[in-house]
Structure formats: structure tokens, C-alpha cells
Protein backbone atom coordinates (compact mmCIF):
# COMPACT_ATOMS: atom_id res chain seq x y z
CA MET A 1 -56.73 -30.72 130.25
CA ALA A 2 -59.60 -29.88 132.66
CA THR A 3 -61.94 -27.00 131.76
CA GLU A 4 -62.44 -24.21 134.41
CA ALA A 5 -66.02 -25.87 135.09
CA ALA A 6 -64.43 -29.04 136.26
CA LEU A 7 -62.35 -27.11 138.83
CA PRO A 8 -63.26 -27.67 142.48
CA ALA A 9 -65.47 -24.95 144.03
CA ALA A 10 -64.88 -23.37 147.16
CA LYS A 11 -66.38 -25.03 150.05
CA GLY A 12 -68.09 -22.06 151.97
CA TRP A 13 -68.95 -18.67 151.52
CA SER A 14 -66.02 -17.47 153.38
CA GLU A 15 -63.77 -19.42 151.37
CA SER A 16 -65.36 -17.67 148.34
CA VAL A 17 -64.38 -14.22 149.77
CA ARG A 18 -60.58 -15.05 150.38
CA PRO A 19 -59.80 -15.20 146.60
CA TYR A 20 -60.31 -11.38 146.42
CA LEU A 21 -57.26 -10.79 148.61
CA GLU A 22 -54.91 -13.12 146.38
CA ARG A 23 -52.27 -11.25 144.61
CA ALA A 24 -53.49 -11.76 140.96
CA PRO A 25 -57.04 -10.23 141.94
CA LEU A 26 -55.37 -7.62 143.58
CA ALA A 27 -53.50 -6.89 140.68
CA ALA A 28 -56.58 -6.65 138.35
CA LEU A 29 -57.92 -3.97 140.61
CA LEU A 30 -54.93 -1.90 139.88
CA LEU A 31 -55.12 -2.74 136.15
CA GLY A 32 -58.98 -1.55 136.44
CA ILE A 33 -58.02 1.58 137.80
CA SER A 34 -55.64 2.48 134.94
CA SER A 35 -58.16 1.23 132.38
CA GLY A 36 -60.95 3.45 133.47
CA PHE A 37 -59.29 6.78 133.85
CA PRO A 38 -58.67 7.59 130.03
CA TYR A 39 -62.40 7.09 129.44
CA ALA A 40 -63.01 9.69 131.76
CA MET A 41 -60.74 12.11 130.40
CA ILE A 42 -62.81 12.21 127.13
CA GLY A 43 -66.12 11.72 128.62
CA ALA A 44 -67.78 13.99 131.15
CA THR A 45 -64.70 15.79 132.08
CA LEU A 46 -63.98 17.07 128.70
CA THR A 47 -67.85 17.91 128.26
CA THR A 48 -67.60 20.09 131.63
CA ARG A 49 -64.18 21.61 130.22
CA LEU A 50 -65.44 22.51 126.80
CA SER A 51 -68.92 23.88 128.14
CA GLN A 52 -67.00 26.05 130.95
CA ASP A 53 -64.80 27.14 127.95
CA GLY A 54 -67.89 28.73 126.30
CA PHE A 55 -68.16 26.04 123.26
CA GLU A 56 -71.84 25.42 121.74
CA LYS A 57 -73.48 22.36 122.58
CA SER A 58 -73.53 21.14 119.22
CA SER A 59 -69.62 21.07 118.84
CA ILE A 60 -69.28 19.53 122.45
CA THR A 61 -71.45 16.66 121.57
CA ALA A 62 -69.61 15.83 118.43
CA PHE A 63 -66.58 14.88 120.79
CA SER A 64 -68.32 11.70 121.56
CA LEU A 65 -67.07 10.62 118.20
CA ALA A 66 -63.76 10.20 120.11
CA PHE A 67 -65.32 6.95 121.61
CA LEU A 68 -65.62 5.09 118.37
CA VAL A 69 -61.68 4.37 118.80
CA TYR A 70 -62.42 2.06 121.53
CA ASN A 71 -64.84 0.23 119.33
CA LEU A 72 -61.99 -0.28 116.73
CA LYS A 73 -59.45 -1.67 118.73
CA PRO A 74 -59.72 -5.33 117.33
CA LEU A 75 -58.08 -3.79 114.07
CA TRP A 76 -54.75 -3.32 115.75
CA ALA A 77 -55.18 -5.43 118.92
CA TRP A 78 -53.08 -8.35 117.03
CA VAL A 79 -49.98 -6.19 117.45
CA ILE A 80 -49.95 -6.68 121.14
CA ASP A 81 -49.54 -10.46 120.66
CA ALA A 82 -47.44 -10.33 117.73
CA VAL A 83 -44.74 -7.68 118.09
CA ARG A 84 -41.91 -7.74 120.53
CA LEU A 85 -40.73 -4.37 121.39
CA PRO A 86 -37.10 -3.61 120.92
CA GLY A 87 -35.40 -2.83 124.01
CA ILE A 88 -37.93 -2.97 126.61
CA GLY A 89 -39.07 -6.11 125.12
CA ARG A 90 -36.71 -7.86 127.41
CA LEU A 91 -39.28 -7.12 130.42
CA GLY A 92 -41.54 -9.72 128.62
CA GLN A 93 -44.18 -9.29 125.85
CA ARG A 94 -46.99 -8.08 128.31
CA VAL A 95 -45.07 -5.99 130.77
CA SER A 96 -43.30 -4.27 127.92
CA TRP A 97 -46.60 -3.33 126.42
CA ILE A 98 -47.98 -2.23 129.44
CA VAL A 99 -45.02 0.31 130.05
CA LEU A 100 -45.37 1.63 126.53
CA THR A 101 -49.09 2.09 126.46
CA ALA A 102 -49.09 3.67 129.96
CA ALA A 103 -46.64 6.06 128.70
CA LEU A 104 -48.62 6.93 125.53
CA VAL A 105 -51.52 7.58 127.47
CA MET A 106 -49.82 9.80 129.90
CA LEU A 107 -48.48 11.79 126.89
CA ALA A 108 -51.81 11.98 125.13
CA VAL A 109 -53.59 13.18 128.40
CA GLY A 110 -50.74 15.69 128.88
CA ASN A 111 -51.21 16.93 125.46
CA LEU A 112 -55.07 17.38 125.95
CA ALA A 113 -53.93 19.20 129.30
CA LEU A 114 -51.94 21.70 127.28
CA VAL A 115 -54.62 22.62 124.80
CA ASP A 116 -55.74 26.17 125.10
CA PRO A 117 -59.29 26.61 123.54
CA GLN A 118 -58.52 30.26 122.94
CA HIS A 119 -54.99 29.91 121.38
CA VAL A 120 -53.87 27.28 118.88
CA GLY A 121 -50.43 25.97 119.20
CA GLN A 122 -49.88 25.59 122.93
CA SER A 123 -49.77 21.67 122.63
CA PRO A 124 -47.60 19.43 120.77
CA VAL A 125 -50.48 18.63 118.39
CA GLY A 126 -51.28 22.34 117.97
CA GLN A 127 -47.46 22.94 117.00
CA PHE A 128 -47.81 20.09 114.45
CA MET A 129 -50.91 22.09 113.12
CA ILE A 130 -49.01 25.30 112.84
CA TRP A 131 -46.03 23.44 111.27
CA PHE A 132 -48.49 21.95 108.64
CA GLY A 133 -50.20 25.24 108.00
CA LEU A 134 -53.25 24.07 109.75
CA GLY A 135 -53.23 26.19 112.88
CA ARG A 136 -55.34 29.43 112.64
CA GLU A 137 -56.93 31.41 115.33
CA GLY A 138 -60.63 30.79 116.00
CA GLU A 139 -63.02 28.20 117.33
CA PHE A 140 -62.59 25.82 114.56
CA ALA A 141 -59.02 25.69 114.77
CA ALA A 142 -59.21 25.33 118.68
CA LEU A 143 -61.91 22.59 118.21
CA PHE A 144 -59.90 20.48 115.65
CA GLU A 145 -56.77 20.76 118.15
CA MET A 146 -58.87 19.42 121.15
CA ALA A 147 -60.64 16.88 119.01
CA VAL A 148 -57.21 15.62 117.45
CA GLY A 149 -55.94 15.53 121.14
CA ALA A 150 -59.15 13.55 122.44
CA VAL A 151 -58.79 10.89 119.75
CA LEU A 152 -55.23 10.45 120.66
CA VAL A 153 -56.32 9.89 124.19
CA GLY A 154 -59.02 7.40 122.98
CA PHE A 155 -56.48 5.67 120.69
CA ALA A 156 -54.02 5.41 123.48
CA GLY A 157 -56.64 4.49 125.97
CA ALA A 158 -58.20 1.70 123.86
CA THR A 159 -54.85 0.30 123.15
CA PHE A 160 -54.07 0.29 127.01
CA ASP A 161 -57.28 -1.56 127.36
CA VAL A 162 -56.21 -4.05 124.97
CA VAL A 163 -52.88 -4.87 126.78
CA ILE A 164 -54.57 -4.60 130.31
CA ASP A 165 -57.40 -7.02 129.40
CA ALA A 166 -54.74 -9.46 127.98
CA TYR A 167 -52.67 -9.47 130.98
CA ARG A 168 -55.57 -9.68 133.60
CA ILE A 169 -56.81 -12.80 131.67
CA GLU A 170 -53.29 -14.40 131.73
CA ILE A 171 -52.29 -13.72 135.30
CA LEU A 172 -55.48 -15.18 136.58
CA LYS A 173 -55.91 -18.88 136.93
CA PRO A 174 -59.08 -20.10 135.49
CA GLU A 175 -60.91 -20.43 138.68
CA GLN A 176 -59.75 -16.83 139.57
CA LEU A 177 -61.51 -15.32 136.33
CA GLY A 178 -64.84 -14.44 138.31
CA VAL A 179 -63.13 -12.82 141.12
CA GLY A 180 -60.52 -11.05 139.04
CA SER A 181 -63.29 -9.62 136.66
CA GLY A 182 -65.00 -8.21 139.65
CA MET A 183 -61.82 -6.61 141.02
CA SER A 184 -61.07 -5.26 137.58
CA GLN A 185 -64.67 -3.76 137.39
CA TYR A 186 -64.24 -2.26 140.85
CA GLY A 187 -60.85 -0.84 139.78
CA TRP A 188 -62.49 0.72 136.58
CA ARG A 189 -65.15 2.48 138.67
CA ILE A 190 -62.57 3.71 140.93
CA GLY A 191 -60.52 4.93 138.10
CA SER A 192 -63.20 6.66 136.08
CA ALA A 193 -65.02 8.20 139.03
CA GLY A 194 -61.46 9.11 140.82
CA ALA A 195 -59.93 10.82 137.85
CA GLY A 196 -62.98 12.69 136.92
CA ALA A 197 -63.50 13.96 140.31
CA LEU A 198 -59.56 14.79 140.61
CA ALA A 199 -59.74 16.78 137.34
CA LEU A 200 -62.79 19.02 138.64
CA PHE A 201 -61.13 19.56 141.91
CA MET A 202 -57.84 20.59 140.32
CA ALA A 203 -59.56 22.66 137.60
CA ALA A 204 -61.47 24.67 140.19
CA ARG A 205 -58.21 25.72 142.10
CA GLN A 206 -55.32 25.49 139.58
CA GLY A 207 -57.06 25.20 136.10
CA TRP A 208 -57.72 22.31 133.73
CA GLU A 209 -54.12 21.87 132.54
CA ALA A 210 -52.86 20.91 136.20
CA GLY A 211 -56.16 18.70 136.48
CA TYR A 212 -55.31 16.77 133.48
CA LEU A 213 -51.98 16.57 134.36
CA ALA A 214 -52.57 15.04 137.80
CA CYS A 215 -54.84 12.70 136.21
CA ALA A 216 -52.03 11.21 133.95
CA LEU A 217 -50.72 9.65 136.99
CA PHE A 218 -53.71 7.35 136.99
CA ALA A 219 -51.69 5.11 134.37
CA LEU A 220 -49.32 4.13 136.95
CA PRO A 221 -51.20 1.43 139.04
CA ALA A 222 -51.04 -0.89 135.97
CA VAL A 223 -47.46 -0.41 135.57
CA ILE A 224 -47.02 -1.15 139.43
CA ALA A 225 -49.11 -4.31 139.02
CA ALA A 226 -47.16 -5.40 135.89
CA PHE A 227 -43.69 -5.10 137.97
CA TRP A 228 -45.42 -6.52 141.15
CA VAL A 229 -46.63 -9.83 139.36
CA GLY A 230 -44.25 -10.09 136.36
CA GLU A 231 -44.61 -11.56 133.02
CA PRO A 232 -47.73 -14.11 133.05
CA GLU A 233 -46.31 -17.57 133.29
CA ARG A 234 -49.42 -18.79 131.44
CA HIS A 235 -48.90 -16.88 128.49
CA ARG A 236 -45.20 -17.70 128.36
CA GLU A 237 -45.74 -21.28 128.45
CA ALA A 238 -48.16 -21.03 125.85
CA VAL A 239 -45.93 -19.33 123.44
CA LYS A 240 -43.07 -21.84 124.78
CA ARG A 241 -45.56 -24.67 123.64
CA GLU A 242 -46.92 -23.20 120.55
CA GLY A 243 -44.48 -20.31 119.34
CA ARG A 244 -45.13 -16.66 119.26
CA PRO A 245 -47.52 -15.86 116.31
CA GLY A 246 -45.78 -13.68 113.52
CA ILE A 247 -47.43 -10.98 111.64
CA VAL A 248 -49.74 -12.97 109.39
CA ALA A 249 -50.44 -15.15 112.22
CA GLY A 250 -51.22 -12.64 114.55
CA ILE A 251 -53.86 -11.28 112.16
CA VAL A 252 -55.37 -14.43 110.81
CA GLY A 253 -54.65 -16.81 113.86
CA PRO A 254 -57.26 -15.38 116.22
CA PHE A 255 -60.02 -16.22 113.63
CA THR A 256 -58.87 -19.57 112.30
CA GLU A 257 -57.93 -20.75 116.00
CA PHE A 258 -61.57 -19.58 117.29
CA PHE A 259 -63.55 -20.88 114.41
CA SER A 260 -61.63 -24.24 114.61
CA ARG A 261 -63.24 -25.16 117.61
CA HIS A 262 -66.51 -27.09 117.82
CA GLY A 263 -69.72 -25.18 117.69
CA ALA A 264 -67.86 -21.84 117.21
CA TRP A 265 -70.57 -20.35 115.25
CA LEU A 266 -73.29 -20.92 118.08
CA VAL A 267 -70.86 -19.22 120.68
CA LEU A 268 -70.50 -16.24 118.43
CA LEU A 269 -74.27 -16.30 118.21
CA PHE A 270 -74.66 -16.14 121.95
CA ILE A 271 -71.95 -13.40 122.06
CA LEU A 272 -74.28 -11.31 119.61
CA LEU A 273 -77.34 -12.07 121.22
CA HIS A 274 -76.91 -12.30 125.07
CA LYS A 275 -77.20 -8.67 125.82
CA ILE A 276 -79.81 -7.33 123.38
CA GLY A 277 -82.80 -7.50 125.79
CA ASP A 278 -80.60 -5.75 128.84
CA THR A 279 -79.35 -3.10 126.32
CA LEU A 280 -82.85 -2.14 125.25
CA ALA A 281 -84.12 -1.80 128.74
CA ASN A 282 -81.03 0.33 129.81
CA LEU A 283 -81.26 2.73 126.77
CA THR A 284 -84.89 3.84 127.46
CA LEU A 285 -84.61 3.56 131.23
CA ARG A 286 -84.55 7.47 131.59
CA LEU A 287 -87.18 8.11 128.67
CA LEU A 288 -89.49 5.80 131.12
CA LEU A 289 -88.74 7.71 134.16
CA ASN A 290 -89.65 11.03 132.46
CA ASP A 291 -92.80 9.41 131.38
CA LEU A 292 -93.62 8.39 134.81
CA GLY A 293 -93.08 11.93 136.05
CA PHE A 294 -89.80 11.34 138.42
CA SER A 295 -88.27 14.50 139.13
CA ASN A 296 -84.28 14.95 138.82
CA ASP A 297 -83.96 14.76 142.39
CA GLU A 298 -85.63 11.48 142.48
CA ILE A 299 -83.73 10.08 139.63
CA ALA A 300 -80.21 11.05 141.07
CA ILE A 301 -81.60 9.35 144.36
CA TYR A 302 -82.67 6.01 143.24
CA ASP A 303 -81.27 5.75 139.67
CA VAL A 304 -77.75 7.03 140.43
CA GLY A 305 -77.50 6.78 144.20
CA ILE A 306 -79.01 3.45 144.64
CA GLY A 307 -78.20 1.95 141.28
CA PHE A 308 -74.49 2.69 142.09
CA TRP A 309 -73.99 0.84 145.37
CA ALA A 310 -76.31 -1.87 144.04
CA TYR A 311 -73.96 -2.32 140.98
CA LEU A 312 -71.01 -2.61 143.45
CA ILE A 313 -72.85 -5.46 145.51
CA GLY A 314 -73.90 -7.48 142.44
CA ILE A 315 -70.00 -7.20 141.22
CA PHE A 316 -69.40 -8.86 144.51
CA ILE A 317 -71.86 -11.29 144.62
CA GLY A 318 -70.93 -12.32 140.98
CA GLY A 319 -67.46 -13.13 142.08
CA ILE A 320 -68.51 -15.32 144.69
CA ILE A 321 -71.00 -16.94 142.72
CA TYR A 322 -68.63 -17.67 140.00
CA ALA A 323 -66.18 -19.05 142.59
CA ARG A 324 -68.82 -21.28 144.30
CA LEU A 325 -71.04 -22.59 141.25
CA GLY A 326 -68.65 -22.67 138.34
CA MET A 327 -68.74 -20.89 135.05
CA LYS A 328 -71.90 -22.56 133.55
CA ARG A 329 -74.31 -22.12 136.03
CA SER A 330 -73.23 -18.64 137.13
CA VAL A 331 -73.55 -17.28 133.72
CA LEU A 332 -77.05 -19.03 133.33
CA ILE A 333 -78.26 -17.62 136.54
CA SER A 334 -77.01 -14.08 135.55
CA LEU A 335 -78.77 -14.23 132.19
CA ILE A 336 -82.15 -15.06 134.04
CA LEU A 337 -81.64 -12.39 136.45
CA MET A 338 -81.13 -9.91 133.82
CA ALA A 339 -84.30 -10.96 131.93
CA ILE A 340 -86.42 -10.59 135.51
CA SER A 341 -84.83 -7.31 136.07
CA ASN A 342 -86.42 -6.28 132.43
CA PHE A 343 -89.69 -7.55 133.93
CA SER A 344 -89.38 -5.34 136.72
CA PHE A 345 -89.26 -2.27 134.71
CA ALA A 346 -92.53 -3.41 133.04
CA LEU A 347 -94.20 -3.64 136.70
CA LEU A 348 -92.83 -0.11 137.33
CA ALA A 349 -94.46 1.11 134.16
CA ALA A 350 -97.52 -0.40 135.11
CA ALA A 351 -97.53 0.87 138.65
CA GLY A 352 -96.84 4.27 137.38
CA HIS A 353 -95.10 6.82 139.66
CA SER A 354 -93.83 4.99 142.99
CA ASN A 355 -90.69 5.89 144.70
CA TRP A 356 -90.68 2.27 146.40
CA GLY A 357 -91.35 0.79 143.06
CA LEU A 358 -88.28 2.65 141.40
CA ALA A 359 -86.08 1.62 144.38
CA GLY A 360 -86.74 -1.96 143.98
CA ALA A 361 -86.47 -2.08 140.26
CA ILE A 362 -83.45 -0.20 140.16
CA GLY A 363 -81.89 -1.92 142.99
CA PHE A 364 -82.42 -5.49 141.42
CA GLU A 365 -81.58 -4.16 137.84
CA ASN A 366 -77.97 -3.08 138.87
CA ILE A 367 -77.35 -6.12 141.12
CA ALA A 368 -78.28 -8.41 138.29
CA SER A 369 -76.17 -6.26 136.03
CA GLY A 370 -73.19 -6.41 138.47
CA ILE A 371 -73.52 -10.27 138.49
CA GLY A 372 -73.66 -10.56 134.76
CA GLY A 373 -71.00 -8.12 134.23
CA VAL A 374 -68.65 -10.31 136.30
CA VAL A 375 -69.78 -13.82 135.19
CA VAL A 376 -70.13 -13.16 131.50
CA VAL A 377 -66.80 -11.12 131.35
CA ALA A 378 -65.17 -14.09 133.01
CA TYR A 379 -66.77 -16.55 130.46
CA PHE A 380 -65.87 -14.35 127.51
CA SER A 381 -61.97 -14.28 128.98
CA ALA A 382 -61.99 -18.04 129.38
CA LEU A 383 -62.96 -18.06 125.52
CA CYS A 384 -59.69 -16.78 124.66
CA ASP A 385 -56.52 -18.55 123.53
CA LEU A 386 -53.33 -17.67 125.67
CA ARG A 387 -51.45 -16.97 122.16
CA PHE A 388 -53.99 -14.60 120.90
CA THR A 389 -55.40 -13.15 124.06
CA ALA A 390 -55.17 -9.46 123.34
CA ALA A 391 -56.78 -9.80 119.84
CA HIS A 392 -59.14 -12.72 121.05
CA TYR A 393 -60.57 -10.62 123.85
CA ALA A 394 -60.89 -7.31 121.87
CA LEU A 395 -62.77 -9.00 119.08
CA ILE A 396 -65.19 -10.64 121.40
CA SER A 397 -65.72 -7.64 123.73
CA SER A 398 -66.34 -5.35 120.77
CA ALA A 399 -68.77 -7.94 118.92
CA ALA A 400 -70.60 -7.96 122.24
CA SER A 401 -71.15 -4.40 122.52
CA ILE A 402 -71.23 -2.92 118.63
CA VAL A 403 -73.78 -5.32 117.44
CA GLY A 404 -76.13 -4.77 120.53
CA ARG A 405 -75.73 -1.01 120.76
CA PHE A 406 -76.52 -0.50 116.96
CA LEU A 407 -79.39 -2.96 116.81
CA THR A 408 -80.96 -1.48 119.97
CA GLY A 409 -79.73 2.22 119.58
CA THR A 410 -81.50 2.36 116.18
CA THR A 411 -84.87 0.91 117.07
CA ALA A 412 -85.35 1.24 120.85
CA GLY A 413 -87.22 4.52 121.12
CA ALA A 414 -89.33 4.10 118.04
CA MET A 415 -90.24 0.60 119.42
CA MET A 416 -91.25 2.19 123.04
CA GLU A 417 -93.27 4.88 121.02
CA GLN A 418 -95.18 2.03 119.24
CA PHE A 419 -95.69 -0.60 121.78
CA GLY A 420 -96.21 1.57 124.83
CA ASN A 421 -94.33 1.38 128.02
CA VAL A 422 -95.44 -1.69 129.61
CA ASN A 423 -95.47 -3.70 126.50
CA PHE A 424 -92.11 -2.68 125.43
CA TYR A 425 -90.54 -3.87 128.81
CA LEU A 426 -92.29 -7.06 128.43
CA PHE A 427 -90.89 -7.47 124.76
CA THR A 428 -87.14 -6.66 126.44
CA VAL A 429 -87.86 -9.93 128.67
CA VAL A 430 -88.67 -11.95 125.34
CA ALA A 431 -85.68 -10.43 123.49
CA ALA A 432 -83.65 -11.88 126.41
CA LEU A 433 -84.87 -15.33 126.12
CA PRO A 434 -82.86 -16.53 122.99
CA GLY A 435 -79.50 -15.81 124.87
CA ILE A 436 -80.76 -17.60 127.95
CA ILE A 437 -82.09 -20.72 125.80
CA LEU A 438 -79.03 -20.88 123.61
CA PHE A 439 -76.76 -21.06 126.53
CA TRP A 440 -78.68 -23.76 128.44
CA LEU A 441 -78.61 -25.49 125.23
CA MET A 442 -74.67 -25.19 125.04
CA MET A 443 -74.63 -26.44 128.44
CA ARG A 444 -76.39 -29.43 127.86
CA SER A 445 -74.69 -30.31 124.73
CA GLY A 446 -71.31 -29.89 126.61
CA LEU A 447 -70.40 -27.10 123.99
CA VAL A 448 -69.63 -24.52 126.80
CA ASP A 449 -66.87 -26.61 127.96
CA SER A 450 -65.54 -27.66 124.68
CA SER A 451 -65.76 -23.89 123.40
CA VAL A 452 -63.42 -22.61 126.19
CA GLY A 453 -60.08 -21.65 125.06
CA THR A 454 -56.70 -22.17 127.07
CA ALA A 455 -57.40 -19.08 129.14
CA GLY A 456 -60.13 -21.00 130.62
CA THR A 457 -58.44 -24.18 131.24
CA ALA A 458 -55.75 -25.77 133.51
CA ARG A 459 -52.88 -27.78 132.20
CA GLU A 460 -50.62 -29.89 134.35
CA GLY A 461 -47.05 -28.05 134.27
CA ASP A 462 -48.87 -24.61 133.87
CA ALA A 463 -47.09 -22.18 136.31
CA GLN A 464 -49.34 -20.81 138.89
CA ALA A 465 -50.27 -17.17 138.51
């Protein structure tokens, strides 16, 4: 068995670009498009819809709770690995689940499309409310019906994400994980932005119902990818060698398998720590820009405009770096770049109101984040065992986001007020150092290689994806 890091790197930059055009990374692009659109349906799109329908701001912001469902997906992710679907299960474990969850997402979005804020009971959920005596006229009943609809979209979208992530990891060969992660993130941006724009465009002309129903079609690219590529051979071979986990093994197996690896607790510590400094800096960026007196136009041009394109460039660079330098060096470089990007915000805070300074800081930060998003996601993907890919990646990605957001979200503002802007951003650089040092030590000790799961390793006899 050879780890991904031992696989040969591309010989030149042109050779590094070519993998983006291979079938599996192109399929990852389609998967990303479908993954991104449900998030948009319960994000800015739903906020705009409720605002235009005259609901109060306090009621609208409460709908952000629907996003909590995404953080809870490890609770049921094991089902995707352990349960074979009756009937359509003959398509294969992953393909059948993609078809089912795509249908569930389309039904959930369709239900949300039919919700009428003025009349309870227009949607299937509303009909159930009436049957159970919960449907009454008024704003509360309408909000409840829409809230249930939004949670259903969140649950279906989170489950769709679990299947998509597992399928993406399994169709990619180990050396393709970086490029595939980049293509998936490109797709996610296309799906979320495209669905949001289409919903607004259709709503302005034919109403929100038509807008949501049209956006439901964004679930289809993942289905197309599944039938184009087929059942992942690497997953099929792993199940043939080890056996498909049952219910109990599906729940317990991902934990016992991961923590049986040498140095698993240090790897978990890295997952929890690696993004704290970056999250601190990004959560407070708009506060810094307001303190420095940047106008809304300047923020839109530099933070949103330049930042968007810089992030896309960073994704592309990240895929190339991963293919050219391998997993270990690319992850370490990305961690260092993200720490330096935090230092650029400290320089901006010291310089004051400077459009050139803002453009440089925003551009560098988003390129660094794009690179980090690709190579770190690729590393986390490589940590998965092919028998438990769905459960493993759901657990790893949730641990990486929940802990960082909780710790930083509850302390960032107070720390910024206490330290002052310059010192606060210098502190975010210091907060990034433990993750960098820990990963460097893991590299030196060989722990990065030994901790990689079967998703990040190549075996003789494995079918090529």
C-alpha cells in the first residue's frame, strides 16, 4: 500500500492543469453544483422572499436555525454507508442514494415553493398541519409552515451533501483529491450563486413559486454525474474486501476504525485547531472595515468583487499545488499562507483607510483561503476509510467547522474590543501557529502518512476511477 504522498507528482505545470479535464474531476464539478443549491434556497434567497412578503426582521433571522441541520448530519450519515435501499439499490450503494436524496431535495424545495405566506395549507406540509389541527390563519401559522419547509430543505440538503461528499471522494483516485476538491468547490459556488440568481430572476417575472420550482432542477447534475461515472469501484472493492457494515458497525465502526490508527488523537486535535485563527479573522473582517471607515461601495468592490475572483484563483492554484507538490507540503504551505493573510489584516488595521491596502489584503486572503480550502479538504477526504466514507467525512467536516465557529463566534467580538484592531489581528496570527506547528510535527514523525485512510491510498488491483 502506498500513500498519496508517495505517488508521483506531475512533471510540469501544463501536466498539472490536464487533470481538471478528466472524467472524475468533471463529475466532481457537477456534484458541487447540486450540493450548493439547497444552501442558497434557505439562505439569502429565503431571506429576500420573507422580506418582500412583509415579515419582521426578527422573524426572518430566526430562519437561520434551519442551517443547524447541516451541523447535525453526522447523526445519520452512517445510514448512507450501512443501509442498502430496496429496489433501486441494484443501481449501487452510492448511485441509489444519490438518486433518492436528489428526489428528496427536489420534493422539499417544491414544497417550499408552494408555501403561501398569506394562506396556510397551500403546500403538502401545510395540508398536514391542517389535518393535525395546527393550521390556523395568521402570521405565526404561516411562519411555522415555512419554517418546517425550510428545515425539510435543510435536512434533505444535508443528507444530499453526505452522499455527494462520499461519492466525490470515492470516484477520485488519491492523486486526484486536490483537483477534485477544487472542482467541487467551483461547482458549489456555481450552484449556490446560480440558484440564488435564477430564483430572483424568476420571482420578479412569474413569482416565487416558479422561482423555487425552477431551482429544484439544480439537483439533477449530481444524478447525471452518478449515471455518467457509475458506482465507485474503489468503494465496491473495499466492501468486497472488508464486507459492508451492518447497522451497529455502521454507527460504531467509523469511530473504532479512525481511533485505531496511530496518532489518531493528534490528527483529531489538528482538525479542531487548524482553522481557529482564520475563522477569527474572517468573522470580524466587516467590523474592521467599518471601524476603518470604508463605505458600502468600497466594501462591495474590494471585499465582494476582488475577493470573489481571488478565491476562484486560489481554488485553481490549490489544485495545481496539490498535484505538483503532494499532500503534505501543499497543506503546510496553505496553513502558512492563511496565517500570513491574517498578518495582512493587521497591517491594514495599522495603515487605516487605504483602498490599495484593502485590495491587497482581501486579494491575498482569498487566494490563501482558496488554496487552503482545496488542499485541506483533500487531506480530510484522504483520512476517510472507504467502508465508512459518508460517516467519516461528515464527522471530520463537522468537527472542523462546529468547534471553530463556536469558540470564535462567542469570543471574537469581545477580544477585538479588548485588544484593539491591530493587536487582535496579530493575535489571530498567533492562534494559527499551533495548527501549523502540529502539522509540521506530524509530517516529521510520519504521522500524516500513517493516519491516511484507504480513501487516500492506492492499492494494487484497485479499479481506476
